[in-house]
Amino acid sequence: MTLDQVIFVISAAAAIFGATMMIAQRNPIASVLYLILSLLAQAVIYIQLGALFLGAILVVVYAGAILVLFLFVIMLLNLRGGEDLGRPTPVLSRLAKYVLALLFLVEMISITYQGFQADVGAGVMALAPDGFGSVTMVATRLFREYLYPFELTGVLLLVAVVGAVVIAKRDTHKESPGGAQGKVRTDESPTESVKG
């Protein structure tokens, strides 16, 4: 095995491990940290393919900005991994999780098998097209062919953040200690409250 193949195998294993652990964790903050691990490993694979711009975007935009936003929303909602929501998980929901996990596993094995069967030449990057991952190619694809999905993703993220803030404010109003029982009457003086 060449050094390129060793780096690719280690990075691919780290990316798959991080993605699997992200799904398996009950603690949302740990899930975000495993997602960062997976994204960094994918960035190494992009850099190995010669797509330096895509690797940098993956680190700066996703691992840097989007996941900080995720952490901000998780902390804003005060989510805890061990809290019980009081609802038992339906059998159909658990069955759907296992069926989807099995389908993804079969798909991953099939893609890996087809990749090993393909004749890629001497190195891992033998079939990468010219200009793959360059700023010009990414900008052309992003702002010509995929402009509307790109803008819709930004709107979706904005709506998600606004929804998280609204949910967090609603929960703090319900649980505020200064409710009807905790209010101090301002129309009576302190001496009258002591006499009563």
N, C-alpha and C. Protein backbone atom coordinates (compact mmCIF):
# COMPACT_ATOMS: atom_id res chain seq x y z
N MET A 1 0.85 -1.20 0.00
CA MET A 1 0.00 0.00 0.00
C MET A 1 0.88 1.25 0.00
N THR A 2 0.46 2.23 -0.76
CA THR A 2 1.19 3.49 -0.80
C THR A 2 0.75 4.38 0.36
N LEU A 3 1.47 5.48 0.57
CA LEU A 3 1.14 6.40 1.65
C LEU A 3 -0.22 7.04 1.42
N ASP A 4 -0.55 7.33 0.14
CA ASP A 4 -1.86 7.91 -0.17
C ASP A 4 -2.99 6.98 0.26
N GLN A 5 -2.84 5.70 -0.02
CA GLN A 5 -3.88 4.75 0.34
C GLN A 5 -4.00 4.59 1.85
N VAL A 6 -2.88 4.62 2.57
CA VAL A 6 -2.92 4.52 4.03
C VAL A 6 -3.66 5.72 4.62
N ILE A 7 -3.33 6.92 4.14
CA ILE A 7 -4.01 8.13 4.63
C ILE A 7 -5.49 8.08 4.30
N PHE A 8 -5.82 7.60 3.09
CA PHE A 8 -7.22 7.52 2.70
C PHE A 8 -7.99 6.55 3.59
N VAL A 9 -7.42 5.38 3.86
CA VAL A 9 -8.10 4.37 4.67
C VAL A 9 -8.30 4.88 6.10
N ILE A 10 -7.27 5.50 6.67
CA ILE A 10 -7.39 6.02 8.04
C ILE A 10 -8.45 7.14 8.10
N SER A 11 -8.42 8.04 7.12
CA SER A 11 -9.39 9.14 7.11
C SER A 11 -10.81 8.63 6.89
N ALA A 12 -10.97 7.66 5.99
CA ALA A 12 -12.30 7.11 5.75
C ALA A 12 -12.83 6.40 6.99
N ALA A 13 -11.95 5.64 7.68
CA ALA A 13 -12.38 4.96 8.90
C ALA A 13 -12.76 5.98 9.98
N ALA A 14 -11.98 7.06 10.11
CA ALA A 14 -12.30 8.09 11.10
C ALA A 14 -13.62 8.79 10.76
N ALA A 15 -13.86 9.04 9.46
CA ALA A 15 -15.10 9.69 9.05
C ALA A 15 -16.31 8.80 9.35
N ILE A 16 -16.19 7.51 9.05
CA ILE A 16 -17.30 6.59 9.31
C ILE A 16 -17.51 6.42 10.81
N PHE A 17 -16.41 6.32 11.57
CA PHE A 17 -16.52 6.19 13.03
C PHE A 17 -17.19 7.41 13.63
N GLY A 18 -16.77 8.62 13.20
CA GLY A 18 -17.36 9.84 13.73
C GLY A 18 -18.84 9.95 13.40
N ALA A 19 -19.22 9.59 12.17
CA ALA A 19 -20.64 9.66 11.79
C ALA A 19 -21.47 8.64 12.56
N THR A 20 -20.91 7.43 12.77
CA THR A 20 -21.64 6.41 13.51
C THR A 20 -21.82 6.81 14.97
N MET A 21 -20.76 7.31 15.58
CA MET A 21 -20.85 7.71 16.98
C MET A 21 -21.74 8.94 17.15
N MET A 22 -21.79 9.81 16.12
CA MET A 22 -22.68 10.96 16.20
C MET A 22 -24.13 10.51 16.31
N ILE A 23 -24.49 9.46 15.56
CA ILE A 23 -25.87 8.97 15.60
C ILE A 23 -26.13 8.20 16.88
N ALA A 24 -25.12 7.47 17.38
CA ALA A 24 -25.32 6.58 18.53
C ALA A 24 -25.35 7.33 19.85
N GLN A 25 -24.81 8.54 19.93
CA GLN A 25 -24.74 9.27 21.20
C GLN A 25 -26.10 9.79 21.62
N ARG A 26 -26.35 9.77 22.93
CA ARG A 26 -27.57 10.38 23.47
C ARG A 26 -27.34 11.84 23.87
N ASN A 27 -26.08 12.17 24.15
CA ASN A 27 -25.74 13.53 24.53
C ASN A 27 -25.54 14.36 23.26
N PRO A 28 -26.33 15.44 23.07
CA PRO A 28 -26.21 16.20 21.81
C PRO A 28 -24.88 16.90 21.63
N ILE A 29 -24.23 17.32 22.72
CA ILE A 29 -22.94 17.99 22.59
C ILE A 29 -21.88 16.99 22.13
N ALA A 30 -21.92 15.77 22.66
CA ALA A 30 -20.99 14.74 22.20
C ALA A 30 -21.25 14.42 20.73
N SER A 31 -22.51 14.43 20.31
CA SER A 31 -22.83 14.17 18.90
C SER A 31 -22.21 15.23 18.00
N VAL A 32 -22.27 16.49 18.42
CA VAL A 32 -21.68 17.56 17.62
C VAL A 32 -20.16 17.39 17.54
N LEU A 33 -19.54 16.99 18.64
CA LEU A 33 -18.08 16.81 18.63
C LEU A 33 -17.68 15.65 17.71
N TYR A 34 -18.47 14.56 17.71
CA TYR A 34 -18.18 13.47 16.78
C TYR A 34 -18.41 13.90 15.33
N LEU A 35 -19.39 14.78 15.11
CA LEU A 35 -19.61 15.29 13.76
C LEU A 35 -18.42 16.13 13.29
N ILE A 36 -17.82 16.88 14.22
CA ILE A 36 -16.61 17.63 13.87
C ILE A 36 -15.49 16.68 13.46
N LEU A 37 -15.33 15.58 14.20
CA LEU A 37 -14.32 14.58 13.83
C LEU A 37 -14.57 14.03 12.43
N SER A 38 -15.82 13.71 12.13
CA SER A 38 -16.15 13.18 10.81
C SER A 38 -15.87 14.19 9.71
N LEU A 39 -16.21 15.45 9.94
CA LEU A 39 -15.99 16.48 8.92
C LEU A 39 -14.50 16.74 8.70
N LEU A 40 -13.71 16.70 9.78
CA LEU A 40 -12.27 16.89 9.62
C LEU A 40 -11.64 15.75 8.82
N ALA A 41 -12.11 14.52 9.07
CA ALA A 41 -11.59 13.39 8.30
C ALA A 41 -11.99 13.50 6.83
N GLN A 42 -13.20 13.97 6.55
CA GLN A 42 -13.61 14.17 5.16
C GLN A 42 -12.79 15.28 4.50
N ALA A 43 -12.44 16.30 5.28
CA ALA A 43 -11.60 17.37 4.74
C ALA A 43 -10.24 16.84 4.33
N VAL A 44 -9.68 15.90 5.12
CA VAL A 44 -8.40 15.29 4.75
C VAL A 44 -8.54 14.55 3.42
N ILE A 45 -9.66 13.85 3.23
CA ILE A 45 -9.88 13.12 1.97
C ILE A 45 -9.97 14.09 0.79
N TYR A 46 -10.68 15.21 0.97
CA TYR A 46 -10.78 16.21 -0.10
C TYR A 46 -9.40 16.78 -0.43
N ILE A 47 -8.62 17.07 0.59
CA ILE A 47 -7.27 17.62 0.35
C ILE A 47 -6.41 16.59 -0.37
N GLN A 48 -6.58 15.32 -0.01
CA GLN A 48 -5.82 14.26 -0.68
C GLN A 48 -6.21 14.14 -2.15
N LEU A 49 -7.46 14.44 -2.46
CA LEU A 49 -7.91 14.41 -3.86
C LEU A 49 -7.46 15.64 -4.64
N GLY A 50 -6.88 16.61 -3.96
CA GLY A 50 -6.43 17.82 -4.64
C GLY A 50 -7.44 18.94 -4.59
N ALA A 51 -8.55 18.75 -3.89
CA ALA A 51 -9.58 19.79 -3.76
C ALA A 51 -9.31 20.59 -2.49
N LEU A 52 -8.30 21.44 -2.55
CA LEU A 52 -7.89 22.19 -1.36
C LEU A 52 -8.97 23.16 -0.90
N PHE A 53 -9.65 23.77 -1.86
CA PHE A 53 -10.69 24.74 -1.50
C PHE A 53 -11.84 24.05 -0.78
N LEU A 54 -12.27 22.89 -1.29
CA LEU A 54 -13.37 22.16 -0.63
C LEU A 54 -12.97 21.70 0.77
N GLY A 55 -11.73 21.26 0.92
CA GLY A 55 -11.26 20.87 2.25
C GLY A 55 -11.27 22.04 3.22
N ALA A 56 -10.82 23.20 2.75
CA ALA A 56 -10.82 24.38 3.61
C ALA A 56 -12.23 24.82 3.94
N ILE A 57 -13.13 24.76 2.96
CA ILE A 57 -14.53 25.13 3.21
C ILE A 57 -15.14 24.19 4.24
N LEU A 58 -14.83 22.90 4.14
CA LEU A 58 -15.37 21.93 5.09
C LEU A 58 -14.93 22.24 6.51
N VAL A 59 -13.67 22.66 6.66
CA VAL A 59 -13.16 22.96 8.01
C VAL A 59 -13.69 24.31 8.49
N VAL A 60 -13.58 25.34 7.64
CA VAL A 60 -13.91 26.69 8.09
C VAL A 60 -15.42 26.88 8.23
N VAL A 61 -16.18 26.48 7.20
CA VAL A 61 -17.61 26.77 7.21
C VAL A 61 -18.37 25.76 8.07
N TYR A 62 -18.18 24.47 7.81
CA TYR A 62 -18.98 23.48 8.52
C TYR A 62 -18.46 23.22 9.93
N ALA A 63 -17.20 22.79 10.05
CA ALA A 63 -16.67 22.49 11.38
C ALA A 63 -16.52 23.75 12.22
N GLY A 64 -16.31 24.89 11.56
CA GLY A 64 -16.12 26.12 12.31
C GLY A 64 -17.39 26.87 12.62
N ALA A 65 -18.20 27.14 11.60
CA ALA A 65 -19.36 28.03 11.79
C ALA A 65 -20.65 27.28 12.06
N ILE A 66 -20.99 26.31 11.21
CA ILE A 66 -22.28 25.64 11.34
C ILE A 66 -22.36 24.86 12.65
N LEU A 67 -21.29 24.16 13.01
CA LEU A 67 -21.34 23.37 14.23
C LEU A 67 -21.29 24.24 15.48
N VAL A 68 -20.65 25.40 15.40
CA VAL A 68 -20.76 26.35 16.51
C VAL A 68 -22.20 26.83 16.65
N LEU A 69 -22.87 27.02 15.52
CA LEU A 69 -24.29 27.37 15.55
C LEU A 69 -25.11 26.25 16.19
N PHE A 70 -24.80 24.98 15.84
CA PHE A 70 -25.49 23.85 16.47
C PHE A 70 -25.29 23.86 17.98
N LEU A 71 -24.04 24.06 18.41
CA LEU A 71 -23.75 24.10 19.85
C LEU A 71 -24.50 25.25 20.52
N PHE A 72 -24.58 26.39 19.85
CA PHE A 72 -25.30 27.53 20.40
C PHE A 72 -26.78 27.19 20.59
N VAL A 73 -27.38 26.55 19.59
CA VAL A 73 -28.81 26.19 19.69
C VAL A 73 -29.01 25.14 20.77
N ILE A 74 -28.11 24.16 20.87
CA ILE A 74 -28.23 23.12 21.90
C ILE A 74 -28.14 23.75 23.28
N MET A 75 -27.20 24.65 23.48
CA MET A 75 -27.07 25.28 24.79
C MET A 75 -28.22 26.24 25.06
N LEU A 76 -28.74 26.86 24.00
CA LEU A 76 -29.88 27.77 24.17
C LEU A 76 -31.12 27.00 24.61
N LEU A 77 -31.32 25.81 24.03
CA LEU A 77 -32.47 24.99 24.40
C LEU A 77 -32.24 24.22 25.68
N ASN A 78 -31.00 24.23 26.20
CA ASN A 78 -30.64 23.54 27.43
C ASN A 78 -30.97 22.06 27.34
N LEU A 79 -30.54 21.43 26.24
CA LEU A 79 -30.80 20.01 26.05
C LEU A 79 -29.84 19.19 26.88
N ARG A 80 -30.35 18.11 27.41
CA ARG A 80 -29.51 17.17 28.16
C ARG A 80 -29.68 15.80 27.55
N GLY A 81 -28.60 15.05 27.52
CA GLY A 81 -28.65 13.74 26.88
C GLY A 81 -29.44 12.71 27.65
N GLY A 82 -29.45 12.79 28.98
CA GLY A 82 -30.07 11.73 29.76
C GLY A 82 -31.50 11.99 30.14
N GLU A 83 -32.10 13.08 29.70
CA GLU A 83 -33.44 13.36 30.17
C GLU A 83 -34.46 12.48 29.47
N ASP A 84 -35.43 12.04 30.24
CA ASP A 84 -36.47 11.17 29.73
C ASP A 84 -37.64 12.04 29.31
N LEU A 85 -38.08 11.89 28.09
CA LEU A 85 -39.18 12.71 27.59
C LEU A 85 -40.54 12.21 28.03
N GLY A 86 -40.58 11.09 28.75
CA GLY A 86 -41.85 10.59 29.26
C GLY A 86 -42.66 9.79 28.26
N ARG A 87 -42.16 9.61 27.07
CA ARG A 87 -42.89 8.84 26.06
C ARG A 87 -42.06 7.63 25.68
N PRO A 88 -42.62 6.45 25.79
CA PRO A 88 -41.86 5.28 25.32
C PRO A 88 -41.72 5.30 23.81
N THR A 89 -40.58 4.81 23.32
CA THR A 89 -40.35 4.78 21.87
C THR A 89 -41.25 3.72 21.25
N PRO A 90 -42.05 4.09 20.26
CA PRO A 90 -42.92 3.09 19.62
C PRO A 90 -42.12 1.99 18.94
N VAL A 91 -42.72 0.81 18.87
CA VAL A 91 -42.04 -0.34 18.26
C VAL A 91 -41.77 -0.07 16.79
N LEU A 92 -42.72 0.58 16.11
CA LEU A 92 -42.53 0.87 14.68
C LEU A 92 -41.36 1.82 14.46
N SER A 93 -41.18 2.80 15.38
CA SER A 93 -40.06 3.73 15.25
C SER A 93 -38.74 3.00 15.44
N ARG A 94 -38.66 2.11 16.42
CA ARG A 94 -37.42 1.35 16.63
C ARG A 94 -37.14 0.44 15.45
N LEU A 95 -38.19 -0.18 14.90
CA LEU A 95 -38.01 -1.06 13.74
C LEU A 95 -37.52 -0.26 12.53
N ALA A 96 -38.07 0.94 12.34
CA ALA A 96 -37.64 1.79 11.22
C ALA A 96 -36.17 2.16 11.35
N LYS A 97 -35.70 2.42 12.59
CA LYS A 97 -34.28 2.75 12.79
C LYS A 97 -33.39 1.60 12.34
N TYR A 98 -33.76 0.38 12.75
CA TYR A 98 -32.93 -0.77 12.41
C TYR A 98 -32.96 -1.06 10.91
N VAL A 99 -34.13 -0.91 10.29
CA VAL A 99 -34.24 -1.17 8.85
C VAL A 99 -33.41 -0.15 8.08
N LEU A 100 -33.49 1.14 8.46
CA LEU A 100 -32.70 2.17 7.77
C LEU A 100 -31.21 1.96 7.98
N ALA A 101 -30.82 1.58 9.20
CA ALA A 101 -29.40 1.31 9.45
C ALA A 101 -28.91 0.15 8.60
N LEU A 102 -29.73 -0.90 8.46
CA LEU A 102 -29.34 -2.05 7.64
C LEU A 102 -29.24 -1.66 6.17
N LEU A 103 -30.18 -0.85 5.68
CA LEU A 103 -30.12 -0.41 4.28
C LEU A 103 -28.89 0.45 4.01
N PHE A 104 -28.55 1.35 4.94
CA PHE A 104 -27.35 2.16 4.77
C PHE A 104 -26.09 1.30 4.79
N LEU A 105 -26.07 0.28 5.64
CA LEU A 105 -24.92 -0.61 5.70
C LEU A 105 -24.76 -1.38 4.39
N VAL A 106 -25.87 -1.88 3.85
CA VAL A 106 -25.81 -2.60 2.57
C VAL A 106 -25.35 -1.67 1.46
N GLU A 107 -25.85 -0.42 1.47
CA GLU A 107 -25.44 0.54 0.44
C GLU A 107 -23.95 0.86 0.55
N MET A 108 -23.45 1.04 1.77
CA MET A 108 -22.05 1.35 1.96
C MET A 108 -21.15 0.19 1.52
N ILE A 109 -21.56 -1.04 1.84
CA ILE A 109 -20.79 -2.20 1.41
C ILE A 109 -20.79 -2.31 -0.11
N SER A 110 -21.96 -2.06 -0.73
CA SER A 110 -22.05 -2.13 -2.18
C SER A 110 -21.16 -1.09 -2.86
N ILE A 111 -21.18 0.15 -2.34
CA ILE A 111 -20.36 1.20 -2.94
C ILE A 111 -18.87 0.89 -2.76
N THR A 112 -18.50 0.40 -1.58
CA THR A 112 -17.10 0.05 -1.34
C THR A 112 -16.65 -1.08 -2.25
N TYR A 113 -17.51 -2.09 -2.43
CA TYR A 113 -17.17 -3.22 -3.29
C TYR A 113 -16.99 -2.76 -4.73
N GLN A 114 -17.91 -1.92 -5.22
CA GLN A 114 -17.79 -1.42 -6.59
C GLN A 114 -16.55 -0.55 -6.76
N GLY A 115 -16.18 0.20 -5.71
CA GLY A 115 -14.98 1.02 -5.79
C GLY A 115 -13.72 0.19 -5.89
N PHE A 116 -13.69 -0.95 -5.16
CA PHE A 116 -12.51 -1.81 -5.24
C PHE A 116 -12.47 -2.58 -6.56
N GLN A 117 -13.64 -2.82 -7.17
CA GLN A 117 -13.67 -3.53 -8.44
C GLN A 117 -13.27 -2.64 -9.61
N ALA A 118 -13.47 -1.31 -9.44
CA ALA A 118 -13.17 -0.39 -10.55
C ALA A 118 -11.67 -0.28 -10.73
N ASP A 119 -11.28 -0.05 -11.98
CA ASP A 119 -9.86 0.09 -12.31
C ASP A 119 -9.50 1.57 -12.20
N VAL A 120 -8.95 1.96 -11.04
CA VAL A 120 -8.65 3.37 -10.83
C VAL A 120 -7.21 3.71 -11.16
N GLY A 121 -6.43 2.77 -11.60
CA GLY A 121 -5.05 3.08 -11.96
C GLY A 121 -4.12 2.93 -10.78
N ALA A 122 -3.04 3.66 -10.82
CA ALA A 122 -1.98 3.46 -9.82
C ALA A 122 -2.33 4.07 -8.47
N GLY A 123 -2.94 5.25 -8.47
CA GLY A 123 -3.18 5.93 -7.20
C GLY A 123 -4.64 6.12 -6.91
N VAL A 124 -4.93 6.64 -5.72
CA VAL A 124 -6.32 6.88 -5.33
C VAL A 124 -6.92 8.01 -6.16
N MET A 125 -6.12 9.00 -6.55
CA MET A 125 -6.64 10.20 -7.22
C MET A 125 -6.52 10.12 -8.74
N ALA A 126 -6.44 8.94 -9.30
CA ALA A 126 -6.13 8.84 -10.73
C ALA A 126 -7.25 9.38 -11.62
N LEU A 127 -8.53 9.27 -11.18
CA LEU A 127 -9.64 9.69 -12.03
C LEU A 127 -10.19 11.06 -11.68
N ALA A 128 -9.53 11.82 -10.83
CA ALA A 128 -10.03 13.16 -10.48
C ALA A 128 -9.92 14.07 -11.70
N PRO A 129 -11.01 14.76 -12.09
CA PRO A 129 -10.94 15.62 -13.28
C PRO A 129 -10.11 16.86 -13.03
N ASP A 130 -9.72 17.52 -14.12
CA ASP A 130 -8.94 18.75 -14.02
C ASP A 130 -9.78 19.85 -13.36
N GLY A 131 -9.17 20.58 -12.45
CA GLY A 131 -9.88 21.66 -11.77
C GLY A 131 -10.83 21.20 -10.69
N PHE A 132 -10.77 19.93 -10.31
CA PHE A 132 -11.68 19.40 -9.29
C PHE A 132 -11.43 20.10 -7.96
N GLY A 133 -12.49 20.68 -7.40
CA GLY A 133 -12.39 21.34 -6.11
C GLY A 133 -11.78 22.72 -6.12
N SER A 134 -11.54 23.28 -7.31
CA SER A 134 -10.97 24.62 -7.36
C SER A 134 -12.06 25.66 -7.08
N VAL A 135 -11.61 26.87 -6.78
CA VAL A 135 -12.56 27.94 -6.46
C VAL A 135 -13.46 28.22 -7.65
N THR A 136 -12.89 28.22 -8.86
CA THR A 136 -13.68 28.51 -10.06
C THR A 136 -14.77 27.47 -10.27
N MET A 137 -14.42 26.20 -10.15
CA MET A 137 -15.40 25.15 -10.38
C MET A 137 -16.50 25.15 -9.32
N VAL A 138 -16.11 25.32 -8.06
CA VAL A 138 -17.11 25.34 -6.99
C VAL A 138 -18.03 26.54 -7.14
N ALA A 139 -17.46 27.72 -7.43
CA ALA A 139 -18.29 28.91 -7.57
C ALA A 139 -19.23 28.81 -8.77
N THR A 140 -18.73 28.24 -9.86
CA THR A 140 -19.58 28.09 -11.05
C THR A 140 -20.74 27.16 -10.77
N ARG A 141 -20.46 26.02 -10.16
CA ARG A 141 -21.54 25.08 -9.84
C ARG A 141 -22.50 25.67 -8.81
N LEU A 142 -21.94 26.32 -7.78
CA LEU A 142 -22.77 26.78 -6.67
C LEU A 142 -23.67 27.94 -7.08
N PHE A 143 -23.15 28.90 -7.84
CA PHE A 143 -23.92 30.10 -8.13
C PHE A 143 -24.59 30.08 -9.49
N ARG A 144 -24.42 29.01 -10.27
CA ARG A 144 -25.16 28.88 -11.53
C ARG A 144 -26.14 27.73 -11.47
N GLU A 145 -25.62 26.52 -11.24
CA GLU A 145 -26.48 25.35 -11.29
C GLU A 145 -27.27 25.13 -10.00
N TYR A 146 -26.65 25.43 -8.85
CA TYR A 146 -27.28 25.12 -7.57
C TYR A 146 -27.55 26.36 -6.73
N LEU A 147 -27.88 27.47 -7.40
CA LEU A 147 -28.10 28.71 -6.66
C LEU A 147 -29.34 28.63 -5.77
N TYR A 148 -30.46 28.13 -6.32
CA TYR A 148 -31.70 28.08 -5.54
C TYR A 148 -31.61 27.11 -4.35
N PRO A 149 -31.07 25.89 -4.52
CA PRO A 149 -30.89 25.05 -3.33
C PRO A 149 -29.96 25.66 -2.29
N PHE A 150 -28.93 26.39 -2.75
CA PHE A 150 -28.00 27.03 -1.83
C PHE A 150 -28.72 28.11 -1.01
N GLU A 151 -29.52 28.92 -1.67
CA GLU A 151 -30.26 29.97 -0.97
C GLU A 151 -31.34 29.38 -0.06
N LEU A 152 -32.00 28.31 -0.52
CA LEU A 152 -33.02 27.67 0.31
C LEU A 152 -32.40 27.05 1.57
N THR A 153 -31.18 26.55 1.46
CA THR A 153 -30.51 26.01 2.65
C THR A 153 -30.24 27.12 3.65
N GLY A 154 -29.82 28.28 3.17
CA GLY A 154 -29.60 29.41 4.07
C GLY A 154 -30.88 29.85 4.76
N VAL A 155 -31.99 29.90 4.02
CA VAL A 155 -33.29 30.26 4.60
C VAL A 155 -33.72 29.21 5.63
N LEU A 156 -33.48 27.93 5.31
CA LEU A 156 -33.84 26.85 6.24
C LEU A 156 -33.06 26.96 7.54
N LEU A 157 -31.76 27.26 7.46
CA LEU A 157 -30.97 27.44 8.68
C LEU A 157 -31.45 28.64 9.49
N LEU A 158 -31.81 29.72 8.80
CA LEU A 158 -32.32 30.90 9.51
C LEU A 158 -33.64 30.59 10.22
N VAL A 159 -34.54 29.88 9.55
CA VAL A 159 -35.82 29.51 10.16
C VAL A 159 -35.59 28.59 11.35
N ALA A 160 -34.63 27.67 11.24
CA ALA A 160 -34.34 26.76 12.36
C ALA A 160 -33.83 27.52 13.58
N VAL A 161 -32.96 28.51 13.36
CA VAL A 161 -32.45 29.29 14.49
C VAL A 161 -33.56 30.11 15.13
N VAL A 162 -34.40 30.75 14.30
CA VAL A 162 -35.52 31.53 14.84
C VAL A 162 -36.48 30.63 15.61
N GLY A 163 -36.75 29.44 15.07
CA GLY A 163 -37.63 28.49 15.77
C GLY A 163 -37.04 28.05 17.10
N ALA A 164 -35.74 27.82 17.15
CA ALA A 164 -35.09 27.42 18.40
C ALA A 164 -35.19 28.54 19.43
N VAL A 165 -35.01 29.79 19.01
CA VAL A 165 -35.12 30.92 19.94
C VAL A 165 -36.55 31.04 20.46
N VAL A 166 -37.54 30.87 19.59
CA VAL A 166 -38.94 30.96 20.01
C VAL A 166 -39.28 29.85 21.00
N ILE A 167 -38.82 28.63 20.73
CA ILE A 167 -39.08 27.51 21.66
C ILE A 167 -38.40 27.76 22.99
N ALA A 168 -37.17 28.26 22.97
CA ALA A 168 -36.45 28.51 24.21
C ALA A 168 -37.13 29.60 25.03
N LYS A 169 -37.61 30.66 24.38
CA LYS A 169 -38.30 31.72 25.12
C LYS A 169 -39.60 31.22 25.71
N ARG A 170 -40.33 30.39 24.97
CA ARG A 170 -41.59 29.85 25.47
C ARG A 170 -41.35 28.99 26.70
N ASP A 171 -40.30 28.18 26.71
CA ASP A 171 -40.01 27.31 27.85
C ASP A 171 -39.56 28.12 29.06
N THR A 172 -38.81 29.20 28.87
CA THR A 172 -38.37 29.98 30.02
C THR A 172 -39.53 30.73 30.65
N HIS A 173 -40.53 31.13 29.88
CA HIS A 173 -41.69 31.79 30.46
C HIS A 173 -42.51 30.82 31.29
N LYS A 174 -42.58 29.56 30.85
CA LYS A 174 -43.35 28.57 31.60
C LYS A 174 -42.68 28.22 32.92
N GLU A 175 -41.35 28.17 32.93
CA GLU A 175 -40.63 27.71 34.10
C GLU A 175 -40.07 28.84 34.95
N SER A 176 -40.47 30.08 34.68
CA SER A 176 -39.88 31.19 35.43
C SER A 176 -40.32 31.13 36.88
N PRO A 177 -39.40 31.36 37.82
CA PRO A 177 -39.75 31.27 39.23
C PRO A 177 -40.66 32.41 39.68
N GLY A 178 -40.72 33.49 38.95
CA GLY A 178 -41.56 34.62 39.34
C GLY A 178 -42.95 34.50 38.75
N GLY A 179 -43.59 33.36 38.91
CA GLY A 179 -44.94 33.15 38.39
C GLY A 179 -45.96 33.83 39.28
N ALA A 180 -47.16 33.28 39.29
CA ALA A 180 -48.24 33.88 40.07
C ALA A 180 -47.97 33.78 41.56
N GLN A 181 -47.30 32.71 42.01
CA GLN A 181 -47.03 32.54 43.42
C GLN A 181 -45.83 33.36 43.87
N GLY A 182 -44.88 33.60 42.96
CA GLY A 182 -43.65 34.26 43.35
C GLY A 182 -43.68 35.77 43.21
N LYS A 183 -44.81 36.35 42.75
CA LYS A 183 -44.86 37.79 42.54
C LYS A 183 -45.01 38.53 43.86
N VAL A 184 -44.35 39.66 43.98
CA VAL A 184 -44.45 40.51 45.16
C VAL A 184 -45.40 41.64 44.82
N ARG A 185 -46.36 41.87 45.68
CA ARG A 185 -47.32 42.95 45.42
C ARG A 185 -46.65 44.29 45.63
N THR A 186 -46.79 45.15 44.66
CA THR A 186 -46.13 46.46 44.75
C THR A 186 -47.06 47.53 45.28
N ASP A 187 -48.36 47.21 45.44
CA ASP A 187 -49.29 48.24 45.87
C ASP A 187 -49.33 48.39 47.38
N GLU A 188 -48.67 47.48 48.11
CA GLU A 188 -48.68 47.61 49.56
C GLU A 188 -47.28 47.94 50.04
N SER A 189 -47.21 48.66 51.09
CA SER A 189 -45.91 49.04 51.64
C SER A 189 -45.32 47.90 52.43
N PRO A 190 -44.01 47.92 52.70
CA PRO A 190 -43.38 46.85 53.45
C PRO A 190 -43.93 46.72 54.87
N THR A 191 -44.36 47.84 55.49
CA THR A 191 -44.90 47.77 56.87
C THR A 191 -46.25 47.07 56.87
N GLU A 192 -47.07 47.30 55.82
CA GLU A 192 -48.37 46.63 55.76
C GLU A 192 -48.21 45.15 55.57
N SER A 193 -47.23 44.73 54.80
CA SER A 193 -47.03 43.30 54.59
C SER A 193 -46.54 42.64 55.86
N VAL A 194 -45.78 43.38 56.72
CA VAL A 194 -45.33 42.80 57.98
C VAL A 194 -46.49 42.70 58.95
N LYS A 195 -47.37 43.72 58.95
CA LYS A 195 -48.54 43.68 59.86
C LYS A 195 -49.47 42.54 59.49
N GLY A 196 -49.68 42.31 58.16
CA GLY A 196 -50.62 41.28 57.71
C GLY A 196 -50.01 39.95 57.91
